[in-house]
PDB file of N, CA and C in Angstrom:
ATOM      1  N   MET A   1      -3.387 -43.109 -23.549  1.00  0.00           N
ATOM      2  CA  MET A   1      -2.853 -42.871 -24.872  1.00  0.00           C
ATOM      3  C   MET A   1      -4.013 -42.644 -25.843  1.00  0.00           C
ATOM      4  N   SER A   2      -4.019 -41.534 -26.534  1.00  0.00           N
ATOM      5  CA  SER A   2      -5.081 -41.261 -27.496  1.00  0.00           C
ATOM      6  C   SER A   2      -4.537 -41.385 -28.913  1.00  0.00           C
ATOM      7  N   THR A   3      -5.425 -41.696 -29.814  1.00  0.00           N
ATOM      8  CA  THR A   3      -5.048 -41.854 -31.209  1.00  0.00           C
ATOM      9  C   THR A   3      -5.649 -40.715 -31.997  1.00  0.00           C
ATOM     10  N   ASN A   4      -4.837 -40.069 -32.797  1.00  0.00           N
ATOM     11  CA  ASN A   4      -5.326 -39.011 -33.664  1.00  0.00           C
ATOM     12  C   ASN A   4      -5.946 -39.664 -34.881  1.00  0.00           C
ATOM     13  N   THR A   5      -7.272 -39.686 -34.946  1.00  0.00           N
ATOM     14  CA  THR A   5      -7.958 -40.375 -36.039  1.00  0.00           C
ATOM     15  C   THR A   5      -7.788 -39.663 -37.377  1.00  0.00           C
ATOM     16  N   ALA A   6      -7.418 -38.387 -37.360  1.00  0.00           N
ATOM     17  CA  ALA A   6      -7.249 -37.654 -38.613  1.00  0.00           C
ATOM     18  C   ALA A   6      -6.071 -38.200 -39.404  1.00  0.00           C
ATOM     19  N   SER A   7      -5.120 -38.823 -38.741  1.00  0.00           N
ATOM     20  CA  SER A   7      -3.947 -39.316 -39.445  1.00  0.00           C
ATOM     21  C   SER A   7      -4.130 -40.732 -39.983  1.00  0.00           C
ATOM     22  N   LEU A   8      -5.237 -41.386 -39.637  1.00  0.00           N
ATOM     23  CA  LEU A   8      -5.470 -42.737 -40.133  1.00  0.00           C
ATOM     24  C   LEU A   8      -5.976 -42.671 -41.570  1.00  0.00           C
ATOM     25  N   THR A   9      -5.313 -43.388 -42.458  1.00  0.00           N
ATOM     26  CA  THR A   9      -5.683 -43.279 -43.874  1.00  0.00           C
ATOM     27  C   THR A   9      -6.944 -44.054 -44.219  1.00  0.00           C
ATOM     28  N   ASN A  10      -7.235 -45.151 -43.524  1.00  0.00           N
ATOM     29  CA  ASN A  10      -8.408 -45.952 -43.845  1.00  0.00           C
ATOM     30  C   ASN A  10      -9.589 -45.658 -42.934  1.00  0.00           C
ATOM     31  N   TYR A  11      -9.529 -44.604 -42.188  1.00  0.00           N
ATOM     32  CA  TYR A  11     -10.589 -44.310 -41.229  1.00  0.00           C
ATOM     33  C   TYR A  11     -11.907 -43.989 -41.925  1.00  0.00           C
ATOM     34  N   HIS A  12     -11.871 -43.136 -42.932  1.00  0.00           N
ATOM     35  CA  HIS A  12     -13.064 -42.791 -43.707  1.00  0.00           C
ATOM     36  C   HIS A  12     -12.775 -43.118 -45.167  1.00  0.00           C
ATOM     37  N   PRO A  13     -13.312 -44.224 -45.659  1.00  0.00           N
ATOM     38  CA  PRO A  13     -13.049 -44.546 -47.066  1.00  0.00           C
ATOM     39  C   PRO A  13     -13.688 -43.506 -47.979  1.00  0.00           C
ATOM     40  N   LYS A  14     -13.067 -43.258 -49.095  1.00  0.00           N
ATOM     41  CA  LYS A  14     -13.589 -42.271 -50.039  1.00  0.00           C
ATOM     42  C   LYS A  14     -14.820 -42.823 -50.747  1.00  0.00           C
ATOM     43  N   THR A  15     -15.736 -41.944 -51.051  1.00  0.00           N
ATOM     44  CA  THR A  15     -16.933 -42.313 -51.789  1.00  0.00           C
ATOM     45  C   THR A  15     -16.541 -42.548 -53.241  1.00  0.00           C
ATOM     46  N   PRO A  16     -16.986 -43.667 -53.821  1.00  0.00           N
ATOM     47  CA  PRO A  16     -16.614 -43.913 -55.218  1.00  0.00           C
ATOM     48  C   PRO A  16     -17.264 -42.882 -56.142  1.00  0.00           C
ATOM     49  N   GLN A  17     -16.559 -42.508 -57.175  1.00  0.00           N
ATOM     50  CA  GLN A  17     -17.084 -41.561 -58.147  1.00  0.00           C
ATOM     51  C   GLN A  17     -18.054 -42.286 -59.069  1.00  0.00           C
ATOM     52  N   ARG A  18     -19.248 -41.751 -59.209  1.00  0.00           N
ATOM     53  CA  ARG A  18     -20.278 -42.370 -60.047  1.00  0.00           C
ATOM     54  C   ARG A  18     -20.219 -41.788 -61.455  1.00  0.00           C
ATOM     55  N   GLN A  19     -20.556 -42.625 -62.415  1.00  0.00           N
ATOM     56  CA  GLN A  19     -20.629 -42.218 -63.814  1.00  0.00           C
ATOM     57  C   GLN A  19     -22.083 -42.337 -64.261  1.00  0.00           C
ATOM     58  N   ILE A  20     -22.456 -41.635 -65.315  1.00  0.00           N
ATOM     59  CA  ILE A  20     -23.834 -41.677 -65.814  1.00  0.00           C
ATOM     60  C   ILE A  20     -24.214 -43.093 -66.240  1.00  0.00           C
ATOM     61  N   GLU A  21     -23.238 -43.875 -66.662  1.00  0.00           N
ATOM     62  CA  GLU A  21     -23.503 -45.247 -67.095  1.00  0.00           C
ATOM     63  C   GLU A  21     -23.975 -46.120 -65.925  1.00  0.00           C
ATOM     64  N   ASP A  22     -23.626 -45.745 -64.702  1.00  0.00           N
ATOM     65  CA  ASP A  22     -24.059 -46.498 -63.532  1.00  0.00           C
ATOM     66  C   ASP A  22     -25.584 -46.461 -63.375  1.00  0.00           C
ATOM     67  N   TYR A  23     -26.217 -45.467 -63.962  1.00  0.00           N
ATOM     68  CA  TYR A  23     -27.656 -45.286 -63.832  1.00  0.00           C
ATOM     69  C   TYR A  23     -28.402 -45.600 -65.131  1.00  0.00           C
ATOM     70  N   ALA A  24     -27.769 -46.301 -66.051  1.00  0.00           N
ATOM     71  CA  ALA A  24     -28.375 -46.585 -67.361  1.00  0.00           C
ATOM     72  C   ALA A  24     -29.681 -47.343 -67.237  1.00  0.00           C
ATOM     73  N   GLY A  25     -29.800 -48.212 -66.242  1.00  0.00           N
ATOM     74  CA  GLY A  25     -31.013 -49.013 -66.103  1.00  0.00           C
ATOM     75  C   GLY A  25     -32.216 -48.222 -65.602  1.00  0.00           C
ATOM     76  N   ILE A  26     -32.011 -47.090 -64.986  1.00  0.00           N
ATOM     77  CA  ILE A  26     -33.137 -46.337 -64.416  1.00  0.00           C
ATOM     78  C   ILE A  26     -33.247 -44.917 -64.952  1.00  0.00           C
ATOM     79  N   ILE A  27     -32.332 -44.504 -65.783  1.00  0.00           N
ATOM     80  CA  ILE A  27     -32.269 -43.095 -66.199  1.00  0.00           C
ATOM     81  C   ILE A  27     -33.528 -42.648 -66.947  1.00  0.00           C
ATOM     82  N   ASN A  28     -34.155 -43.524 -67.710  1.00  0.00           N
ATOM     83  CA  ASN A  28     -35.325 -43.131 -68.492  1.00  0.00           C
ATOM     84  C   ASN A  28     -36.631 -43.643 -67.895  1.00  0.00           C
ATOM     85  N   CYS A  29     -36.604 -44.162 -66.695  1.00  0.00           N
ATOM     86  CA  CYS A  29     -37.817 -44.650 -66.050  1.00  0.00           C
ATOM     87  C   CYS A  29     -38.661 -43.480 -65.546  1.00  0.00           C
ATOM     88  N   ARG A  30     -39.982 -43.725 -65.488  1.00  0.00           N
ATOM     89  CA  ARG A  30     -40.875 -42.709 -64.938  1.00  0.00           C
ATOM     90  C   ARG A  30     -40.744 -42.682 -63.426  1.00  0.00           C
ATOM     91  N   ARG A  31     -40.994 -41.546 -62.883  1.00  0.00           N
ATOM     92  CA  ARG A  31     -40.967 -41.406 -61.432  1.00  0.00           C
ATOM     93  C   ARG A  31     -42.154 -42.149 -60.836  1.00  0.00           C
ATOM     94  N   PRO A  32     -41.933 -42.966 -59.802  1.00  0.00           N
ATOM     95  CA  PRO A  32     -43.070 -43.690 -59.220  1.00  0.00           C
ATOM     96  C   PRO A  32     -44.014 -42.737 -58.501  1.00  0.00           C
ATOM     97  N   THR A  33     -45.294 -43.046 -58.582  1.00  0.00           N
ATOM     98  CA  THR A  33     -46.306 -42.247 -57.890  1.00  0.00           C
ATOM     99  C   THR A  33     -47.167 -43.183 -57.048  1.00  0.00           C
ATOM    100  N   ALA A  34     -47.706 -42.662 -55.976  1.00  0.00           N
ATOM    101  CA  ALA A  34     -48.565 -43.451 -55.093  1.00  0.00           C
ATOM    102  C   ALA A  34     -49.922 -43.623 -55.755  1.00  0.00           C
ATOM    103  N   PRO A  35     -50.533 -44.801 -55.601  1.00  0.00           N
ATOM    104  CA  PRO A  35     -51.852 -44.992 -56.213  1.00  0.00           C
ATOM    105  C   PRO A  35     -52.913 -44.107 -55.565  1.00  0.00           C
ATOM    106  N   HIS A  36     -52.777 -43.835 -54.273  1.00  0.00           N
ATOM    107  CA  HIS A  36     -53.706 -42.954 -53.559  1.00  0.00           C
ATOM    108  C   HIS A  36     -52.871 -41.928 -52.795  1.00  0.00           C
ATOM    109  N   PRO A  37     -52.506 -40.817 -53.446  1.00  0.00           N
ATOM    110  CA  PRO A  37     -51.645 -39.843 -52.768  1.00  0.00           C
ATOM    111  C   PRO A  37     -52.303 -39.263 -51.516  1.00  0.00           C
ATOM    112  N   MET A  38     -51.475 -38.961 -50.532  1.00  0.00           N
ATOM    113  CA  MET A  38     -51.945 -38.414 -49.263  1.00  0.00           C
ATOM    114  C   MET A  38     -52.380 -36.962 -49.452  1.00  0.00           C
ATOM    115  N   SER A  39     -53.462 -36.586 -48.798  1.00  0.00           N
ATOM    116  CA  SER A  39     -53.919 -35.202 -48.889  1.00  0.00           C
ATOM    117  C   SER A  39     -52.939 -34.288 -48.158  1.00  0.00           C
ATOM    118  N   ILE A  40     -52.981 -33.022 -48.504  1.00  0.00           N
ATOM    119  CA  ILE A  40     -52.091 -32.053 -47.871  1.00  0.00           C
ATOM    120  C   ILE A  40     -52.377 -31.968 -46.374  1.00  0.00           C
ATOM    121  N   GLU A  41     -53.663 -32.052 -46.004  1.00  0.00           N
ATOM    122  CA  GLU A  41     -54.021 -31.980 -44.590  1.00  0.00           C
ATOM    123  C   GLU A  41     -53.468 -33.181 -43.812  1.00  0.00           C
ATOM    124  N   ALA A  42     -53.571 -34.372 -44.405  1.00  0.00           N
ATOM    125  CA  ALA A  42     -53.057 -35.571 -43.735  1.00  0.00           C
ATOM    126  C   ALA A  42     -51.537 -35.521 -43.626  1.00  0.00           C
ATOM    127  N   ARG A  43     -50.905 -35.015 -44.654  1.00  0.00           N
ATOM    128  CA  ARG A  43     -49.434 -34.899 -44.626  1.00  0.00           C
ATOM    129  C   ARG A  43     -49.006 -33.889 -43.562  1.00  0.00           C
ATOM    130  N   ALA A  44     -49.723 -32.783 -43.463  1.00  0.00           N
ATOM    131  CA  ALA A  44     -49.401 -31.775 -42.454  1.00  0.00           C
ATOM    132  C   ALA A  44     -49.609 -32.320 -41.052  1.00  0.00           C
ATOM    133  N   ALA A  45     -50.605 -33.194 -40.877  1.00  0.00           N
ATOM    134  CA  ALA A  45     -50.891 -33.758 -39.561  1.00  0.00           C
ATOM    135  C   ALA A  45     -49.731 -34.613 -39.058  1.00  0.00           C
ATOM    136  N   GLN A  46     -48.937 -35.177 -39.960  1.00  0.00           N
ATOM    137  CA  GLN A  46     -47.781 -35.969 -39.550  1.00  0.00           C
ATOM    138  C   GLN A  46     -46.765 -35.115 -38.812  1.00  0.00           C
ATOM    139  N   PHE A  47     -46.687 -33.854 -39.176  1.00  0.00           N
ATOM    140  CA  PHE A  47     -45.677 -32.968 -38.599  1.00  0.00           C
ATOM    141  C   PHE A  47     -46.239 -32.087 -37.484  1.00  0.00           C
ATOM    142  N   ALA A  48     -47.511 -32.222 -37.165  1.00  0.00           N
ATOM    143  CA  ALA A  48     -48.142 -31.407 -36.130  1.00  0.00           C
ATOM    144  C   ALA A  48     -47.464 -31.534 -34.761  1.00  0.00           C
ATOM    145  N   PRO A  49     -47.005 -32.717 -34.338  1.00  0.00           N
ATOM    146  CA  PRO A  49     -46.361 -32.801 -33.018  1.00  0.00           C
ATOM    147  C   PRO A  49     -45.129 -31.897 -32.890  1.00  0.00           C
ATOM    148  N   TYR A  50     -44.460 -31.620 -33.997  1.00  0.00           N
ATOM    149  CA  TYR A  50     -43.277 -30.768 -33.937  1.00  0.00           C
ATOM    150  C   TYR A  50     -43.635 -29.299 -33.725  1.00  0.00           C
ATOM    151  N   ALA A  51     -44.867 -28.925 -33.985  1.00  0.00           N
ATOM    152  CA  ALA A  51     -45.298 -27.542 -33.798  1.00  0.00           C
ATOM    153  C   ALA A  51     -45.203 -27.139 -32.329  1.00  0.00           C
ATOM    154  N   ALA A  52     -45.283 -28.104 -31.431  1.00  0.00           N
ATOM    155  CA  ALA A  52     -45.183 -27.796 -30.004  1.00  0.00           C
ATOM    156  C   ALA A  52     -43.794 -27.285 -29.631  1.00  0.00           C
ATOM    157  N   LEU A  53     -42.806 -27.573 -30.451  1.00  0.00           N
ATOM    158  CA  LEU A  53     -41.437 -27.155 -30.155  1.00  0.00           C
ATOM    159  C   LEU A  53     -41.136 -25.734 -30.618  1.00  0.00           C
ATOM    160  N   VAL A  54     -42.037 -25.118 -31.360  1.00  0.00           N
ATOM    161  CA  VAL A  54     -41.810 -23.759 -31.836  1.00  0.00           C
ATOM    162  C   VAL A  54     -41.748 -22.819 -30.640  1.00  0.00           C
ATOM    163  N   GLY A  55     -40.687 -22.075 -30.526  1.00  0.00           N
ATOM    164  CA  GLY A  55     -40.516 -21.130 -29.434  1.00  0.00           C
ATOM    165  C   GLY A  55     -39.935 -21.740 -28.173  1.00  0.00           C
ATOM    166  N   HIS A  56     -39.699 -23.043 -28.162  1.00  0.00           N
ATOM    167  CA  HIS A  56     -39.181 -23.715 -26.964  1.00  0.00           C
ATOM    168  C   HIS A  56     -37.823 -23.154 -26.561  1.00  0.00           C
ATOM    169  N   LYS A  57     -36.956 -22.932 -27.533  1.00  0.00           N
ATOM    170  CA  LYS A  57     -35.613 -22.426 -27.246  1.00  0.00           C
ATOM    171  C   LYS A  57     -35.674 -21.029 -26.623  1.00  0.00           C
ATOM    172  N   ASP A  58     -36.607 -20.198 -27.103  1.00  0.00           N
ATOM    173  CA  ASP A  58     -36.760 -18.849 -26.547  1.00  0.00           C
ATOM    174  C   ASP A  58     -37.218 -18.900 -25.090  1.00  0.00           C
ATOM    175  N   ILE A  59     -38.137 -19.796 -24.791  1.00  0.00           N
ATOM    176  CA  ILE A  59     -38.638 -19.927 -23.417  1.00  0.00           C
ATOM    177  C   ILE A  59     -37.522 -20.385 -22.492  1.00  0.00           C
ATOM    178  N   ILE A  60     -36.733 -21.343 -22.942  1.00  0.00           N
ATOM    179  CA  ILE A  60     -35.630 -21.858 -22.123  1.00  0.00           C
ATOM    180  C   ILE A  60     -34.602 -20.764 -21.861  1.00  0.00           C
ATOM    181  N   SER A  61     -34.239 -19.990 -22.883  1.00  0.00           N
ATOM    182  CA  SER A  61     -33.237 -18.942 -22.678  1.00  0.00           C
ATOM    183  C   SER A  61     -33.762 -17.845 -21.756  1.00  0.00           C
ATOM    184  N   THR A  62     -35.062 -17.535 -21.846  1.00  0.00           N
ATOM    185  CA  THR A  62     -35.653 -16.550 -20.943  1.00  0.00           C
ATOM    186  C   THR A  62     -35.608 -17.050 -19.502  1.00  0.00           C
ATOM    187  N   ASP A  63     -35.950 -18.327 -19.301  1.00  0.00           N
ATOM    188  CA  ASP A  63     -35.894 -18.910 -17.958  1.00  0.00           C
ATOM    189  C   ASP A  63     -34.468 -18.929 -17.415  1.00  0.00           C
ATOM    190  N   GLU A  64     -33.494 -19.215 -18.280  1.00  0.00           N
ATOM    191  CA  GLU A  64     -32.096 -19.225 -17.843  1.00  0.00           C
ATOM    192  C   GLU A  64     -31.650 -17.829 -17.409  1.00  0.00           C
ATOM    193  N   GLN A  65     -32.050 -16.812 -18.166  1.00  0.00           N
ATOM    194  CA  GLN A  65     -31.685 -15.447 -17.809  1.00  0.00           C
ATOM    195  C   GLN A  65     -32.326 -15.034 -16.489  1.00  0.00           C
ATOM    196  N   LEU A  66     -33.571 -15.410 -16.292  1.00  0.00           N
ATOM    197  CA  LEU A  66     -34.264 -15.097 -15.058  1.00  0.00           C
ATOM    198  C   LEU A  66     -33.600 -15.796 -13.869  1.00  0.00           C
ATOM    199  N   ALA A  67     -33.237 -17.055 -14.048  1.00  0.00           N
ATOM    200  CA  ALA A  67     -32.598 -17.809 -12.974  1.00  0.00           C
ATOM    201  C   ALA A  67     -31.225 -17.236 -12.639  1.00  0.00           C
ATOM    202  N   ALA A  68     -30.530 -16.716 -13.639  1.00  0.00           N
ATOM    203  CA  ALA A  68     -29.198 -16.162 -13.408  1.00  0.00           C
ATOM    204  C   ALA A  68     -29.258 -14.871 -12.600  1.00  0.00           C
ATOM    205  N   THR A  69     -30.371 -14.151 -12.689  1.00  0.00           N
ATOM    206  CA  THR A  69     -30.477 -12.878 -11.970  1.00  0.00           C
ATOM    207  C   THR A  69     -30.944 -13.060 -10.531  1.00  0.00           C
ATOM    208  N   LYS A  70     -31.516 -14.211 -10.214  1.00  0.00           N
ATOM    209  CA  LYS A  70     -32.004 -14.439  -8.858  1.00  0.00           C
ATOM    210  C   LYS A  70     -30.844 -14.743  -7.912  1.00  0.00           C
ATOM    211  N   VAL A  71     -31.014 -14.330  -6.679  1.00  0.00           N
ATOM    212  CA  VAL A  71     -30.019 -14.586  -5.651  1.00  0.00           C
ATOM    213  C   VAL A  71     -30.519 -15.763  -4.818  1.00  0.00           C
ATOM    214  N   ASP A  72     -29.674 -16.764  -4.653  1.00  0.00           N
ATOM    215  CA  ASP A  72     -30.049 -17.910  -3.828  1.00  0.00           C
ATOM    216  C   ASP A  72     -29.854 -17.558  -2.361  1.00  0.00           C
ATOM    217  N   LEU A  73     -30.918 -17.708  -1.598  1.00  0.00           N
ATOM    218  CA  LEU A  73     -30.844 -17.432  -0.172  1.00  0.00           C
ATOM    219  C   LEU A  73     -30.634 -18.730   0.592  1.00  0.00           C
ATOM    220  N   ASP A  74     -29.921 -18.629   1.649  1.00  0.00           N
ATOM    221  CA  ASP A  74     -29.694 -19.768   2.524  1.00  0.00           C
ATOM    222  C   ASP A  74     -31.020 -20.192   3.141  1.00  0.00           C
ATOM    223  N   ARG A  75     -31.185 -21.463   3.398  1.00  0.00           N
ATOM    224  CA  ARG A  75     -32.439 -21.957   3.984  1.00  0.00           C
ATOM    225  C   ARG A  75     -32.741 -21.284   5.321  1.00  0.00           C
ATOM    226  N   GLU A  76     -31.722 -21.041   6.108  1.00  0.00           N
ATOM    227  CA  GLU A  76     -31.931 -20.402   7.422  1.00  0.00           C
ATOM    228  C   GLU A  76     -32.439 -18.974   7.273  1.00  0.00           C
ATOM    229  N   ILE A  77     -31.929 -18.255   6.287  1.00  0.00           N
ATOM    230  CA  ILE A  77     -32.370 -16.880   6.057  1.00  0.00           C
ATOM    231  C   ILE A  77     -33.835 -16.881   5.630  1.00  0.00           C
ATOM    232  N   ILE A  78     -34.203 -17.820   4.797  1.00  0.00           N
ATOM    233  CA  ILE A  78     -35.591 -17.907   4.343  1.00  0.00           C
ATOM    234  C   ILE A  78     -36.517 -18.180   5.531  1.00  0.00           C
ATOM    235  N   ILE A  79     -36.106 -19.073   6.422  1.00  0.00           N
ATOM    236  CA  ILE A  79     -36.911 -19.386   7.602  1.00  0.00           C
ATOM    237  C   ILE A  79     -37.069 -18.147   8.475  1.00  0.00           C
ATOM    238  N   LYS A  80     -35.983 -17.379   8.660  1.00  0.00           N
ATOM    239  CA  LYS A  80     -36.042 -16.156   9.473  1.00  0.00           C
ATOM    240  C   LYS A  80     -36.975 -15.137   8.844  1.00  0.00           C
ATOM    241  N   LEU A  81     -36.892 -14.987   7.544  1.00  0.00           N
ATOM    242  CA  LEU A  81     -37.760 -14.039   6.850  1.00  0.00           C
ATOM    243  C   LEU A  81     -39.233 -14.465   6.965  1.00  0.00           C
ATOM    244  N   ASP A  82     -39.484 -15.750   6.894  1.00  0.00           N
ATOM    245  CA  ASP A  82     -40.858 -16.245   7.022  1.00  0.00           C
ATOM    246  C   ASP A  82     -41.402 -15.947   8.426  1.00  0.00           C
ATOM    247  N   LYS A  83     -40.559 -16.042   9.443  1.00  0.00           N
ATOM    248  CA  LYS A  83     -40.997 -15.799  10.806  1.00  0.00           C
ATOM    249  C   LYS A  83     -41.300 -14.315  11.026  1.00  0.00           C
ATOM    250  N   LEU A  84     -40.590 -13.425  10.348  1.00  0.00           N
ATOM    251  CA  LEU A  84     -40.803 -11.994  10.486  1.00  0.00           C
ATOM    252  C   LEU A  84     -42.138 -11.559   9.874  1.00  0.00           C
ATOM    253  N   GLN A  85     -42.612 -12.269   8.924  1.00  0.00           N
ATOM    254  CA  GLN A  85     -43.845 -11.861   8.234  1.00  0.00           C
ATOM    255  C   GLN A  85     -45.062 -12.297   8.919  1.00  0.00           C
TER     256      GLN A  85
END
């Protein structure tokens, strides 16, 4: 038996509507800044590991297409072909 969660009324409570008065305590405050901001080079270095993923999807799709075009040979046929050579 499955339950259709879309019909449950309390499944996802609604987000309360905010008013400008809710932010009265912080509305005129200055934006916080770091005492020693990180250099652009150091910040970029944090994201360097993700650079290895660039082009990964293209390589995978190319490999999938190549694999789909290959014909799988039976092990016995491969052995026979090896003996002929």
